[in-house]
ModelCIF file with pLDDT and N, C-alpha, C, O atoms, coordinates in Angstrom:
data_MODEL
#
_entry.id   MODEL 
#
_entity.id                         1 
_entity.type                       polymer 
_entity.pdbx_number_of_molecules   1 
#
_entity_poly.entity_id                      1 
_entity_poly.type                           'polypeptide(L)' 
_entity_poly.nstd_linkage                   no 
_entity_poly.nstd_monomer                   no 
_entity_poly.pdbx_seq_one_letter_code       VEPANAPLPATPPTPVPAHAPAKQAVAIMSPHERELRKKLKELREHI 
_entity_poly.pdbx_seq_one_letter_code_can   VEPANAPLPATPPTPVPAHAPAKQAVAIMSPHERELRKKLKELREHI 
_entity_poly.pdbx_strand_id                 A 
#
loop_
_entity_poly_seq.entity_id 
_entity_poly_seq.num 
_entity_poly_seq.mon_id 
_entity_poly_seq.hetero 
1 1  VAL n 
1 2  GLU n 
1 3  PRO n 
1 4  ALA n 
1 5  ASN n 
1 6  ALA n 
1 7  PRO n 
1 8  LEU n 
1 9  PRO n 
1 10 ALA n 
1 11 THR n 
1 12 PRO n 
1 13 PRO n 
1 14 THR n 
1 15 PRO n 
1 16 VAL n 
1 17 PRO n 
1 18 ALA n 
1 19 HIS n 
1 20 ALA n 
1 21 PRO n 
1 22 ALA n 
1 23 LYS n 
1 24 GLN n 
1 25 ALA n 
1 26 VAL n 
1 27 ALA n 
1 28 ILE n 
1 29 MET n 
1 30 SER n 
1 31 PRO n 
1 32 HIS n 
1 33 GLU n 
1 34 ARG n 
1 35 GLU n 
1 36 LEU n 
1 37 ARG n 
1 38 LYS n 
1 39 LYS n 
1 40 LEU n 
1 41 LYS n 
1 42 GLU n 
1 43 LEU n 
1 44 ARG n 
1 45 GLU n 
1 46 HIS n 
1 47 ILE n 
#
_struct_asym.id          A 
_struct_asym.entity_id   1 
#
loop_
_ma_qa_metric.id 
_ma_qa_metric.mode 
_ma_qa_metric.name 
_ma_qa_metric.software_group_id 
_ma_qa_metric.type 
1 global pLDDT . pLDDT 
2 local  pLDDT . pLDDT 
#
_ma_qa_metric_global.metric_id      1 
_ma_qa_metric_global.metric_value   66.77 
_ma_qa_metric_global.model_id       1 
_ma_qa_metric_global.ordinal_id     1 
#
loop_
_ma_qa_metric_local.label_asym_id 
_ma_qa_metric_local.label_comp_id 
_ma_qa_metric_local.label_seq_id 
_ma_qa_metric_local.metric_id 
_ma_qa_metric_local.metric_value 
_ma_qa_metric_local.model_id 
_ma_qa_metric_local.ordinal_id 
A VAL 1  2 48.00 1 1  
A GLU 2  2 48.00 1 2  
A PRO 3  2 48.00 1 3  
A ALA 4  2 47.00 1 4  
A ASN 5  2 47.00 1 5  
A ALA 6  2 47.00 1 6  
A PRO 7  2 48.00 1 7  
A LEU 8  2 46.00 1 8  
A PRO 9  2 48.00 1 9  
A ALA 10 2 47.00 1 10 
A THR 11 2 44.00 1 11 
A PRO 12 2 49.00 1 12 
A PRO 13 2 50.00 1 13 
A THR 14 2 50.00 1 14 
A PRO 15 2 54.00 1 15 
A VAL 16 2 53.00 1 16 
A PRO 17 2 55.00 1 17 
A ALA 18 2 54.00 1 18 
A HIS 19 2 58.00 1 19 
A ALA 20 2 55.00 1 20 
A PRO 21 2 58.00 1 21 
A ALA 22 2 60.00 1 22 
A LYS 23 2 65.00 1 23 
A GLN 24 2 63.00 1 24 
A ALA 25 2 62.00 1 25 
A VAL 26 2 62.00 1 26 
A ALA 27 2 64.00 1 27 
A ILE 28 2 76.00 1 28 
A MET 29 2 74.00 1 29 
A SER 30 2 84.00 1 30 
A PRO 31 2 85.00 1 31 
A HIS 32 2 86.00 1 32 
A GLU 33 2 83.00 1 33 
A ARG 34 2 84.00 1 34 
A GLU 35 2 88.00 1 35 
A LEU 36 2 85.00 1 36 
A ARG 37 2 84.00 1 37 
A LYS 38 2 87.00 1 38 
A LYS 39 2 89.00 1 39 
A LEU 40 2 86.00 1 40 
A LYS 41 2 87.00 1 41 
A GLU 42 2 89.00 1 42 
A LEU 43 2 88.00 1 43 
A ARG 44 2 85.00 1 44 
A GLU 45 2 88.00 1 45 
A HIS 46 2 91.00 1 46 
A ILE 47 2 89.00 1 47 
#
loop_
_atom_site.group_PDB 
_atom_site.id 
_atom_site.type_symbol 
_atom_site.label_atom_id 
_atom_site.label_alt_id 
_atom_site.label_comp_id 
_atom_site.label_asym_id 
_atom_site.label_entity_id 
_atom_site.label_seq_id 
_atom_site.pdbx_PDB_ins_code 
_atom_site.Cartn_x 
_atom_site.Cartn_y 
_atom_site.Cartn_z 
_atom_site.occupancy 
_atom_site.B_iso_or_equiv 
_atom_site.pdbx_formal_charge 
_atom_site.auth_seq_id 
_atom_site.auth_comp_id 
_atom_site.auth_asym_id 
_atom_site.auth_atom_id 
_atom_site.pdbx_PDB_model_num 
ATOM 1   N N  . VAL A 1 1  ? -0.974 27.969 19.077  1.00 48.00 ? 1  VAL A N  1 
ATOM 2   C CA . VAL A 1 1  ? 0.084  28.236 19.805  1.00 48.00 ? 1  VAL A CA 1 
ATOM 3   C C  . VAL A 1 1  ? 0.411  27.071 20.557  1.00 48.00 ? 1  VAL A C  1 
ATOM 4   O O  . VAL A 1 1  ? -0.574 26.547 21.076  1.00 48.00 ? 1  VAL A O  1 
ATOM 5   N N  . GLU A 1 2  ? 1.708  26.405 20.811  1.00 48.00 ? 2  GLU A N  1 
ATOM 6   C CA . GLU A 1 2  ? 2.137  25.689 21.916  1.00 48.00 ? 2  GLU A CA 1 
ATOM 7   C C  . GLU A 1 2  ? 2.022  25.483 22.927  1.00 48.00 ? 2  GLU A C  1 
ATOM 8   O O  . GLU A 1 2  ? 2.607  26.427 23.457  1.00 48.00 ? 2  GLU A O  1 
ATOM 9   N N  . PRO A 1 3  ? 1.598  24.777 23.801  1.00 48.00 ? 3  PRO A N  1 
ATOM 10  C CA . PRO A 1 3  ? 1.966  25.309 25.534  1.00 48.00 ? 3  PRO A CA 1 
ATOM 11  C C  . PRO A 1 3  ? 3.080  24.818 25.760  1.00 48.00 ? 3  PRO A C  1 
ATOM 12  O O  . PRO A 1 3  ? 3.523  23.788 25.252  1.00 48.00 ? 3  PRO A O  1 
ATOM 13  N N  . ALA A 1 4  ? 3.741  25.688 26.726  1.00 47.00 ? 4  ALA A N  1 
ATOM 14  C CA . ALA A 1 4  ? 5.525  25.424 26.869  1.00 47.00 ? 4  ALA A CA 1 
ATOM 15  C C  . ALA A 1 4  ? 5.680  24.233 27.971  1.00 47.00 ? 4  ALA A C  1 
ATOM 16  O O  . ALA A 1 4  ? 6.387  24.410 28.963  1.00 47.00 ? 4  ALA A O  1 
ATOM 17  N N  . ASN A 1 5  ? 5.053  23.132 27.771  1.00 47.00 ? 5  ASN A N  1 
ATOM 18  C CA . ASN A 1 5  ? 5.209  21.867 28.688  1.00 47.00 ? 5  ASN A CA 1 
ATOM 19  C C  . ASN A 1 5  ? 4.729  20.814 27.059  1.00 47.00 ? 5  ASN A C  1 
ATOM 20  O O  . ASN A 1 5  ? 3.975  19.859 27.243  1.00 47.00 ? 5  ASN A O  1 
ATOM 21  N N  . ALA A 1 6  ? 5.129  21.048 25.892  1.00 47.00 ? 6  ALA A N  1 
ATOM 22  C CA . ALA A 1 6  ? 4.439  20.399 24.875  1.00 47.00 ? 6  ALA A CA 1 
ATOM 23  C C  . ALA A 1 6  ? 5.906  19.851 24.658  1.00 47.00 ? 6  ALA A C  1 
ATOM 24  O O  . ALA A 1 6  ? 6.926  20.535 24.573  1.00 47.00 ? 6  ALA A O  1 
ATOM 25  N N  . PRO A 1 7  ? 5.819  18.713 24.599  1.00 48.00 ? 7  PRO A N  1 
ATOM 26  C CA . PRO A 1 7  ? 6.929  17.768 23.533  1.00 48.00 ? 7  PRO A CA 1 
ATOM 27  C C  . PRO A 1 7  ? 8.089  18.354 22.815  1.00 48.00 ? 7  PRO A C  1 
ATOM 28  O O  . PRO A 1 7  ? 7.890  19.303 22.058  1.00 48.00 ? 7  PRO A O  1 
ATOM 29  N N  . LEU A 1 8  ? 9.034  17.974 22.949  1.00 46.00 ? 8  LEU A N  1 
ATOM 30  C CA . LEU A 1 8  ? 9.801  18.639 21.894  1.00 46.00 ? 8  LEU A CA 1 
ATOM 31  C C  . LEU A 1 8  ? 9.638  17.940 20.320  1.00 46.00 ? 8  LEU A C  1 
ATOM 32  O O  . LEU A 1 8  ? 9.233  16.778 20.302  1.00 46.00 ? 8  LEU A O  1 
ATOM 33  N N  . PRO A 1 9  ? 9.895  18.506 19.200  1.00 48.00 ? 9  PRO A N  1 
ATOM 34  C CA . PRO A 1 9  ? 9.733  17.621 18.169  1.00 48.00 ? 9  PRO A CA 1 
ATOM 35  C C  . PRO A 1 9  ? 10.908 16.845 17.834  1.00 48.00 ? 9  PRO A C  1 
ATOM 36  O O  . PRO A 1 9  ? 12.034 17.245 18.129  1.00 48.00 ? 9  PRO A O  1 
ATOM 37  N N  . ALA A 1 10 ? 10.668 15.609 17.150  1.00 47.00 ? 10 ALA A N  1 
ATOM 38  C CA . ALA A 1 10 ? 11.907 14.991 17.127  1.00 47.00 ? 10 ALA A CA 1 
ATOM 39  C C  . ALA A 1 10 ? 12.901 15.295 16.122  1.00 47.00 ? 10 ALA A C  1 
ATOM 40  O O  . ALA A 1 10 ? 12.668 16.028 15.161  1.00 47.00 ? 10 ALA A O  1 
ATOM 41  N N  . THR A 1 11 ? 14.000 14.736 16.343  1.00 44.00 ? 11 THR A N  1 
ATOM 42  C CA . THR A 1 11 ? 15.357 15.100 15.942  1.00 44.00 ? 11 THR A CA 1 
ATOM 43  C C  . THR A 1 11 ? 15.082 14.633 13.854  1.00 44.00 ? 11 THR A C  1 
ATOM 44  O O  . THR A 1 11 ? 14.789 13.587 13.276  1.00 44.00 ? 11 THR A O  1 
ATOM 45  N N  . PRO A 1 12 ? 15.330 15.825 13.452  1.00 49.00 ? 12 PRO A N  1 
ATOM 46  C CA . PRO A 1 12 ? 15.107 15.746 11.952  1.00 49.00 ? 12 PRO A CA 1 
ATOM 47  C C  . PRO A 1 12 ? 16.370 14.895 11.893  1.00 49.00 ? 12 PRO A C  1 
ATOM 48  O O  . PRO A 1 12 ? 17.408 14.887 12.556  1.00 49.00 ? 12 PRO A O  1 
ATOM 49  N N  . PRO A 1 13 ? 15.765 13.953 10.533  1.00 50.00 ? 13 PRO A N  1 
ATOM 50  C CA . PRO A 1 13 ? 16.996 12.671 10.260  1.00 50.00 ? 13 PRO A CA 1 
ATOM 51  C C  . PRO A 1 13 ? 17.688 13.221 9.245   1.00 50.00 ? 13 PRO A C  1 
ATOM 52  O O  . PRO A 1 13 ? 17.129 13.995 8.468   1.00 50.00 ? 13 PRO A O  1 
ATOM 53  N N  . THR A 1 14 ? 19.262 12.824 9.098   1.00 50.00 ? 14 THR A N  1 
ATOM 54  C CA . THR A 1 14 ? 20.320 13.410 8.728   1.00 50.00 ? 14 THR A CA 1 
ATOM 55  C C  . THR A 1 14 ? 20.324 13.024 7.275   1.00 50.00 ? 14 THR A C  1 
ATOM 56  O O  . THR A 1 14 ? 19.604 12.025 7.283   1.00 50.00 ? 14 THR A O  1 
ATOM 57  N N  . PRO A 1 15 ? 20.640 13.185 6.248   1.00 54.00 ? 15 PRO A N  1 
ATOM 58  C CA . PRO A 1 15 ? 20.797 13.030 4.688   1.00 54.00 ? 15 PRO A CA 1 
ATOM 59  C C  . PRO A 1 15 ? 21.565 11.347 4.812   1.00 54.00 ? 15 PRO A C  1 
ATOM 60  O O  . PRO A 1 15 ? 22.347 10.909 5.655   1.00 54.00 ? 15 PRO A O  1 
ATOM 61  N N  . VAL A 1 16 ? 21.054 10.798 3.789   1.00 53.00 ? 16 VAL A N  1 
ATOM 62  C CA . VAL A 1 16 ? 21.627 9.251  3.988   1.00 53.00 ? 16 VAL A CA 1 
ATOM 63  C C  . VAL A 1 16 ? 22.845 9.308  2.810   1.00 53.00 ? 16 VAL A C  1 
ATOM 64  O O  . VAL A 1 16 ? 22.383 9.210  1.673   1.00 53.00 ? 16 VAL A O  1 
ATOM 65  N N  . PRO A 1 17 ? 24.113 9.429  2.869   1.00 55.00 ? 17 PRO A N  1 
ATOM 66  C CA . PRO A 1 17 ? 24.891 9.187  1.772   1.00 55.00 ? 17 PRO A CA 1 
ATOM 67  C C  . PRO A 1 17 ? 24.903 8.631  0.928   1.00 55.00 ? 17 PRO A C  1 
ATOM 68  O O  . PRO A 1 17 ? 24.513 7.484  1.147   1.00 55.00 ? 17 PRO A O  1 
ATOM 69  N N  . ALA A 1 18 ? 25.293 8.902  -0.521  1.00 54.00 ? 18 ALA A N  1 
ATOM 70  C CA . ALA A 1 18 ? 25.051 7.642  -1.323  1.00 54.00 ? 18 ALA A CA 1 
ATOM 71  C C  . ALA A 1 18 ? 25.656 6.093  -0.940  1.00 54.00 ? 18 ALA A C  1 
ATOM 72  O O  . ALA A 1 18 ? 25.085 5.003  -0.917  1.00 54.00 ? 18 ALA A O  1 
ATOM 73  N N  . HIS A 1 19 ? 26.743 6.392  -0.717  1.00 58.00 ? 19 HIS A N  1 
ATOM 74  C CA . HIS A 1 19 ? 27.481 5.187  -0.247  1.00 58.00 ? 19 HIS A CA 1 
ATOM 75  C C  . HIS A 1 19 ? 26.659 3.971  1.185   1.00 58.00 ? 19 HIS A C  1 
ATOM 76  O O  . HIS A 1 19 ? 27.060 2.854  1.510   1.00 58.00 ? 19 HIS A O  1 
ATOM 77  N N  . ALA A 1 20 ? 25.624 4.645  1.670   1.00 55.00 ? 20 ALA A N  1 
ATOM 78  C CA . ALA A 1 20 ? 25.082 4.113  2.525   1.00 55.00 ? 20 ALA A CA 1 
ATOM 79  C C  . ALA A 1 20 ? 24.113 2.761  2.117   1.00 55.00 ? 20 ALA A C  1 
ATOM 80  O O  . ALA A 1 20 ? 23.384 2.637  1.132   1.00 55.00 ? 20 ALA A O  1 
ATOM 81  N N  . PRO A 1 21 ? 24.381 1.746  3.281   1.00 58.00 ? 21 PRO A N  1 
ATOM 82  C CA . PRO A 1 21 ? 23.246 0.783  2.702   1.00 58.00 ? 21 PRO A CA 1 
ATOM 83  C C  . PRO A 1 21 ? 21.463 1.389  2.510   1.00 58.00 ? 21 PRO A C  1 
ATOM 84  O O  . PRO A 1 21 ? 20.928 2.174  3.292   1.00 58.00 ? 21 PRO A O  1 
ATOM 85  N N  . ALA A 1 22 ? 20.929 0.896  1.513   1.00 60.00 ? 22 ALA A N  1 
ATOM 86  C CA . ALA A 1 22 ? 19.361 1.626  1.350   1.00 60.00 ? 22 ALA A CA 1 
ATOM 87  C C  . ALA A 1 22 ? 18.049 0.848  3.084   1.00 60.00 ? 22 ALA A C  1 
ATOM 88  O O  . ALA A 1 22 ? 17.520 -0.220 3.390   1.00 60.00 ? 22 ALA A O  1 
ATOM 89  N N  . LYS A 1 23 ? 18.124 1.870  3.496   1.00 65.00 ? 23 LYS A N  1 
ATOM 90  C CA . LYS A 1 23 ? 16.478 1.271  4.574   1.00 65.00 ? 23 LYS A CA 1 
ATOM 91  C C  . LYS A 1 23 ? 15.554 1.165  4.141   1.00 65.00 ? 23 LYS A C  1 
ATOM 92  O O  . LYS A 1 23 ? 15.318 1.907  3.188   1.00 65.00 ? 23 LYS A O  1 
ATOM 93  N N  . GLN A 1 24 ? 14.672 0.355  4.505   1.00 63.00 ? 24 GLN A N  1 
ATOM 94  C CA . GLN A 1 24 ? 13.046 0.597  4.040   1.00 63.00 ? 24 GLN A CA 1 
ATOM 95  C C  . GLN A 1 24 ? 12.480 0.680  5.328   1.00 63.00 ? 24 GLN A C  1 
ATOM 96  O O  . GLN A 1 24 ? 12.708 0.177  6.428   1.00 63.00 ? 24 GLN A O  1 
ATOM 97  N N  . ALA A 1 25 ? 11.273 1.863  4.609   1.00 62.00 ? 25 ALA A N  1 
ATOM 98  C CA . ALA A 1 25 ? 10.745 2.298  5.657   1.00 62.00 ? 25 ALA A CA 1 
ATOM 99  C C  . ALA A 1 25 ? 9.472  1.049  6.103   1.00 62.00 ? 25 ALA A C  1 
ATOM 100 O O  . ALA A 1 25 ? 9.080  0.158  5.350   1.00 62.00 ? 25 ALA A O  1 
ATOM 101 N N  . VAL A 1 26 ? 9.037  1.282  7.413   1.00 62.00 ? 26 VAL A N  1 
ATOM 102 C CA . VAL A 1 26 ? 8.510  0.343  7.930   1.00 62.00 ? 26 VAL A CA 1 
ATOM 103 C C  . VAL A 1 26 ? 7.331  1.074  8.692   1.00 62.00 ? 26 VAL A C  1 
ATOM 104 O O  . VAL A 1 26 ? 7.437  2.140  9.298   1.00 62.00 ? 26 VAL A O  1 
ATOM 105 N N  . ALA A 1 27 ? 5.889  0.110  8.515   1.00 64.00 ? 27 ALA A N  1 
ATOM 106 C CA . ALA A 1 27 ? 4.930  0.898  9.802   1.00 64.00 ? 27 ALA A CA 1 
ATOM 107 C C  . ALA A 1 27 ? 4.085  -0.853 10.071  1.00 64.00 ? 27 ALA A C  1 
ATOM 108 O O  . ALA A 1 27 ? 4.043  -1.893 9.414   1.00 64.00 ? 27 ALA A O  1 
ATOM 109 N N  . ILE A 1 28 ? 3.584  -0.439 11.255  1.00 76.00 ? 28 ILE A N  1 
ATOM 110 C CA . ILE A 1 28 ? 2.629  -1.043 11.777  1.00 76.00 ? 28 ILE A CA 1 
ATOM 111 C C  . ILE A 1 28 ? 1.577  -0.433 11.456  1.00 76.00 ? 28 ILE A C  1 
ATOM 112 O O  . ILE A 1 28 ? 1.460  0.772  11.680  1.00 76.00 ? 28 ILE A O  1 
ATOM 113 N N  . MET A 1 29 ? 0.441  -1.293 10.762  1.00 74.00 ? 29 MET A N  1 
ATOM 114 C CA . MET A 1 29 ? -0.616 -0.347 10.165  1.00 74.00 ? 29 MET A CA 1 
ATOM 115 C C  . MET A 1 29 ? -1.994 -1.194 10.973  1.00 74.00 ? 29 MET A C  1 
ATOM 116 O O  . MET A 1 29 ? -2.036 -2.400 11.217  1.00 74.00 ? 29 MET A O  1 
ATOM 117 N N  . SER A 1 30 ? -3.083 -0.139 11.293  1.00 84.00 ? 30 SER A N  1 
ATOM 118 C CA . SER A 1 30 ? -4.425 -0.915 12.103  1.00 84.00 ? 30 SER A CA 1 
ATOM 119 C C  . SER A 1 30 ? -5.128 -1.097 10.719  1.00 84.00 ? 30 SER A C  1 
ATOM 120 O O  . SER A 1 30 ? -5.150 -0.408 9.699   1.00 84.00 ? 30 SER A O  1 
ATOM 121 N N  . PRO A 1 31 ? -5.750 -2.405 11.107  1.00 85.00 ? 31 PRO A N  1 
ATOM 122 C CA . PRO A 1 31 ? -6.688 -2.580 9.932   1.00 85.00 ? 31 PRO A CA 1 
ATOM 123 C C  . PRO A 1 31 ? -7.582 -1.224 9.193   1.00 85.00 ? 31 PRO A C  1 
ATOM 124 O O  . PRO A 1 31 ? -7.909 -1.447 8.027   1.00 85.00 ? 31 PRO A O  1 
ATOM 125 N N  . HIS A 1 32 ? -8.030 0.242  9.800   1.00 86.00 ? 32 HIS A N  1 
ATOM 126 C CA . HIS A 1 32 ? -8.630 0.980  9.068   1.00 86.00 ? 32 HIS A CA 1 
ATOM 127 C C  . HIS A 1 32 ? -7.152 1.568  7.784   1.00 86.00 ? 32 HIS A C  1 
ATOM 128 O O  . HIS A 1 32 ? -7.427 1.942  6.644   1.00 86.00 ? 32 HIS A O  1 
ATOM 129 N N  . GLU A 1 33 ? -5.832 1.518  8.276   1.00 83.00 ? 33 GLU A N  1 
ATOM 130 C CA . GLU A 1 33 ? -5.154 1.819  7.566   1.00 83.00 ? 33 GLU A CA 1 
ATOM 131 C C  . GLU A 1 33 ? -4.875 0.966  6.381   1.00 83.00 ? 33 GLU A C  1 
ATOM 132 O O  . GLU A 1 33 ? -4.491 1.433  5.308   1.00 83.00 ? 33 GLU A O  1 
ATOM 133 N N  . ARG A 1 34 ? -5.110 -0.481 6.637   1.00 84.00 ? 34 ARG A N  1 
ATOM 134 C CA . ARG A 1 34 ? -4.648 -1.378 5.663   1.00 84.00 ? 34 ARG A CA 1 
ATOM 135 C C  . ARG A 1 34 ? -5.994 -1.230 4.391   1.00 84.00 ? 34 ARG A C  1 
ATOM 136 O O  . ARG A 1 34 ? -5.901 -1.366 3.171   1.00 84.00 ? 34 ARG A O  1 
ATOM 137 N N  . GLU A 1 35 ? -7.090 -0.936 5.158   1.00 88.00 ? 35 GLU A N  1 
ATOM 138 C CA . GLU A 1 35 ? -8.252 -0.704 4.037   1.00 88.00 ? 35 GLU A CA 1 
ATOM 139 C C  . GLU A 1 35 ? -8.074 0.454  2.921   1.00 88.00 ? 35 GLU A C  1 
ATOM 140 O O  . GLU A 1 35 ? -8.504 0.449  1.767   1.00 88.00 ? 35 GLU A O  1 
ATOM 141 N N  . LEU A 1 36 ? -7.273 1.510  3.629   1.00 85.00 ? 36 LEU A N  1 
ATOM 142 C CA . LEU A 1 36 ? -6.923 2.756  3.022   1.00 85.00 ? 36 LEU A CA 1 
ATOM 143 C C  . LEU A 1 36 ? -6.121 2.647  1.994   1.00 85.00 ? 36 LEU A C  1 
ATOM 144 O O  . LEU A 1 36 ? -6.445 3.069  0.884   1.00 85.00 ? 36 LEU A O  1 
ATOM 145 N N  . ARG A 1 37 ? -4.736 1.945  2.291   1.00 84.00 ? 37 ARG A N  1 
ATOM 146 C CA . ARG A 1 37 ? -3.830 1.335  1.293   1.00 84.00 ? 37 ARG A CA 1 
ATOM 147 C C  . ARG A 1 37 ? -4.392 0.410  -0.032  1.00 84.00 ? 37 ARG A C  1 
ATOM 148 O O  . ARG A 1 37 ? -4.085 0.373  -1.224  1.00 84.00 ? 37 ARG A O  1 
ATOM 149 N N  . LYS A 1 38 ? -5.287 -0.246 0.737   1.00 87.00 ? 38 LYS A N  1 
ATOM 150 C CA . LYS A 1 38 ? -6.032 -1.506 -0.279  1.00 87.00 ? 38 LYS A CA 1 
ATOM 151 C C  . LYS A 1 38 ? -6.672 -0.731 -1.237  1.00 87.00 ? 38 LYS A C  1 
ATOM 152 O O  . LYS A 1 38 ? -6.553 -1.213 -2.363  1.00 87.00 ? 38 LYS A O  1 
ATOM 153 N N  . LYS A 1 39 ? -7.419 0.477  -1.177  1.00 89.00 ? 39 LYS A N  1 
ATOM 154 C CA . LYS A 1 39 ? -7.895 1.412  -1.439  1.00 89.00 ? 39 LYS A CA 1 
ATOM 155 C C  . LYS A 1 39 ? -7.086 2.082  -2.541  1.00 89.00 ? 39 LYS A C  1 
ATOM 156 O O  . LYS A 1 39 ? -7.449 1.965  -3.711  1.00 89.00 ? 39 LYS A O  1 
ATOM 157 N N  . LEU A 1 40 ? -6.126 2.699  -2.247  1.00 86.00 ? 40 LEU A N  1 
ATOM 158 C CA . LEU A 1 40 ? -5.309 3.114  -3.186  1.00 86.00 ? 40 LEU A CA 1 
ATOM 159 C C  . LEU A 1 40 ? -4.477 2.316  -4.046  1.00 86.00 ? 40 LEU A C  1 
ATOM 160 O O  . LEU A 1 40 ? -4.272 2.580  -5.231  1.00 86.00 ? 40 LEU A O  1 
ATOM 161 N N  . LYS A 1 41 ? -4.146 1.629  -3.609  1.00 87.00 ? 41 LYS A N  1 
ATOM 162 C CA . LYS A 1 41 ? -4.087 0.257  -4.645  1.00 87.00 ? 41 LYS A CA 1 
ATOM 163 C C  . LYS A 1 41 ? -4.992 -0.170 -5.418  1.00 87.00 ? 41 LYS A C  1 
ATOM 164 O O  . LYS A 1 41 ? -4.554 -0.187 -6.568  1.00 87.00 ? 41 LYS A O  1 
ATOM 165 N N  . GLU A 1 42 ? -5.837 -0.456 -5.369  1.00 89.00 ? 42 GLU A N  1 
ATOM 166 C CA . GLU A 1 42 ? -7.522 -0.228 -5.965  1.00 89.00 ? 42 GLU A CA 1 
ATOM 167 C C  . GLU A 1 42 ? -7.416 0.865  -7.140  1.00 89.00 ? 42 GLU A C  1 
ATOM 168 O O  . GLU A 1 42 ? -7.773 0.676  -8.303  1.00 89.00 ? 42 GLU A O  1 
ATOM 169 N N  . LEU A 1 43 ? -6.872 2.015  -6.628  1.00 88.00 ? 43 LEU A N  1 
ATOM 170 C CA . LEU A 1 43 ? -7.100 3.350  -7.243  1.00 88.00 ? 43 LEU A CA 1 
ATOM 171 C C  . LEU A 1 43 ? -6.016 3.287  -8.781  1.00 88.00 ? 43 LEU A C  1 
ATOM 172 O O  . LEU A 1 43 ? -6.306 3.307  -9.977  1.00 88.00 ? 43 LEU A O  1 
ATOM 173 N N  . ARG A 1 44 ? -4.816 3.214  -8.113  1.00 85.00 ? 44 ARG A N  1 
ATOM 174 C CA . ARG A 1 44 ? -4.001 2.995  -8.707  1.00 85.00 ? 44 ARG A CA 1 
ATOM 175 C C  . ARG A 1 44 ? -3.921 2.056  -9.996  1.00 85.00 ? 44 ARG A C  1 
ATOM 176 O O  . ARG A 1 44 ? -3.478 2.351  -11.106 1.00 85.00 ? 44 ARG A O  1 
ATOM 177 N N  . GLU A 1 45 ? -4.475 0.829  -9.550  1.00 88.00 ? 45 GLU A N  1 
ATOM 178 C CA . GLU A 1 45 ? -4.495 -0.255 -10.738 1.00 88.00 ? 45 GLU A CA 1 
ATOM 179 C C  . GLU A 1 45 ? -5.853 0.089  -11.512 1.00 88.00 ? 45 GLU A C  1 
ATOM 180 O O  . GLU A 1 45 ? -5.880 -0.577 -12.547 1.00 88.00 ? 45 GLU A O  1 
ATOM 181 N N  . HIS A 1 46 ? -6.763 0.734  -11.403 1.00 91.00 ? 46 HIS A N  1 
ATOM 182 C CA . HIS A 1 46 ? -7.886 1.203  -11.933 1.00 91.00 ? 46 HIS A CA 1 
ATOM 183 C C  . HIS A 1 46 ? -7.312 2.437  -13.390 1.00 91.00 ? 46 HIS A C  1 
ATOM 184 O O  . HIS A 1 46 ? -7.712 2.498  -14.553 1.00 91.00 ? 46 HIS A O  1 
ATOM 185 N N  . ILE A 1 47 ? -6.290 3.238  -12.679 1.00 89.00 ? 47 ILE A N  1 
ATOM 186 C CA . ILE A 1 47 ? -5.802 4.153  -13.429 1.00 89.00 ? 47 ILE A CA 1 
ATOM 187 C C  . ILE A 1 47 ? -5.321 3.448  -14.484 1.00 89.00 ? 47 ILE A C  1 
ATOM 188 O O  . ILE A 1 47 ? -4.771 4.032  -15.418 1.00 89.00 ? 47 ILE A O  1 
#
């Protein structure tokens, strides 16, 4: 159960119309996340 003073969830994104320019998802990753990403890439390449 969330406490009464919990922050409100972010506003959900609106669907992107087909004519809108495509946007790229971006993230700033920690060294740990970079290592996980590297391992996922290695897994995909191995398979």
